Protein backbone atom coordinates (compact mmCIF):
# COMPACT_ATOMS: atom_id res chain seq x y z
CA ALA A 1 18.22 -7.66 -10.66
CA ARG A 2 19.38 -9.89 -13.47
CA LEU A 3 21.61 -7.08 -14.78
CA ASN A 4 23.86 -7.55 -11.73
CA ARG A 5 24.60 -11.19 -12.62
CA ALA A 6 27.01 -12.70 -15.13
CA PRO A 7 27.33 -12.13 -18.02
CA TYR A 8 25.61 -8.74 -17.68
CA ARG A 9 27.23 -7.28 -14.55
CA THR A 10 30.17 -5.73 -16.43
CA LYS A 11 28.04 -4.09 -19.12
CA LYS A 12 27.03 -0.45 -19.24
CA VAL A 13 23.27 0.09 -19.43
CA ARG A 14 21.71 2.81 -21.58
CA VAL A 15 17.99 3.42 -21.24
CA GLU A 16 16.48 4.92 -24.40
CA GLY A 17 13.12 6.70 -24.43
CA HIS A 18 10.95 7.10 -27.54
CA THR A 19 7.65 8.77 -28.43
CA ASP A 20 5.20 8.63 -31.29
CA SER A 21 5.21 11.45 -33.86
CA GLN A 22 2.22 13.32 -32.44
CA PRO A 23 3.20 16.74 -31.06
CA ILE A 24 2.66 17.30 -27.34
CA ARG A 25 -0.45 19.37 -26.69
CA ARG A 26 -1.27 21.25 -23.50
CA SER A 27 1.04 19.35 -21.18
CA LYS A 28 2.22 21.05 -18.02
CA SER A 29 4.85 18.36 -17.53
CA PHE A 30 6.41 18.08 -21.01
CA SER A 31 7.11 20.87 -23.45
CA ASP A 32 7.81 18.55 -26.40
CA ASN A 33 8.52 14.96 -27.44
CA TRP A 34 12.22 15.33 -26.61
CA HIS A 35 11.34 16.14 -23.02
CA LEU A 36 8.80 13.30 -22.81
CA SER A 37 11.16 10.68 -24.25
CA GLY A 38 13.93 11.71 -21.86
CA ALA A 39 11.55 11.59 -18.90
CA ARG A 40 10.41 8.09 -19.86
CA ALA A 41 13.99 6.87 -20.03
CA ARG A 42 14.93 8.63 -16.79
CA SER A 43 12.07 7.01 -14.87
CA VAL A 44 13.23 3.54 -15.92
CA LEU A 45 16.85 4.47 -15.11
CA LYS A 46 15.77 5.48 -11.59
CA ALA A 47 13.95 2.15 -11.16
CA LEU A 48 17.08 0.26 -12.24
CA ALA A 49 19.19 2.28 -9.78
CA ALA A 50 16.68 1.56 -7.00
CA ALA A 51 16.95 -2.15 -7.88
CA GLY A 52 20.69 -2.03 -7.21
CA ILE A 53 22.27 -1.31 -10.60
CA SER A 54 25.34 0.86 -10.01
CA ASP A 55 24.92 4.49 -11.07
CA SER A 56 28.31 4.31 -12.80
CA ARG A 57 26.84 1.81 -15.27
CA LEU A 58 23.70 3.78 -16.11
CA SER A 59 22.92 6.43 -18.71
CA PHE A 60 19.80 7.52 -20.55
CA ALA A 61 18.88 9.10 -23.86
CA GLY A 62 15.71 10.54 -25.30
CA TYR A 63 15.15 10.19 -29.04
CA ALA A 64 11.63 11.63 -29.29
CA PHE A 65 10.07 10.33 -32.54
CA HIS A 66 13.30 10.18 -34.55
CA ARG A 67 13.91 6.42 -34.23
CA PRO A 68 10.55 4.79 -34.87
CA MET A 69 10.22 1.05 -34.47
CA VAL A 70 7.30 1.03 -36.91
CA LYS A 71 6.57 3.44 -39.77
CA GLY A 72 3.11 4.91 -40.06
CA ARG A 73 0.61 7.02 -38.19
CA GLY A 74 -2.01 4.38 -37.38
CA LYS A 75 -2.90 3.63 -33.75
CA SER A 76 -0.93 0.38 -33.70
CA ALA A 77 2.22 1.95 -35.15
CA MET A 78 1.99 4.94 -32.83
CA ALA A 79 1.58 2.67 -29.78
CA LYS A 80 4.65 0.60 -30.71
CA ASN A 81 6.74 3.74 -31.06
CA ARG A 82 5.92 4.88 -27.50
CA ARG A 83 8.49 2.78 -25.71
CA VAL A 84 11.59 2.50 -23.57
CA GLU A 85 14.47 0.25 -24.60
CA ILE A 86 17.24 -1.04 -22.34
CA VAL A 87 20.50 -1.38 -24.27
CA LEU A 88 23.53 -3.25 -22.92
CA LEU A 89 26.88 -1.84 -24.04
CA ASP A 90 30.36 -3.40 -23.93
């Protein structure tokens, strides 16, 4: 994984999950957008760990719909807000 090579190998990695602003309806897996955003981030974190990124460098956060990339409730805006971001920290 590229994150294990210079200049990235000394950086902490935070995986951030996001959702659109639509409330969760009838999901057995997720009670709300907080839960969904955290699960999205956690799944990517697990993939990074499986790829050899040290657990001591990894963390995740779920922001639900509180940090939208795009304002609005149209299909395009909603799709862009359903995302996972990988943030490198010093």
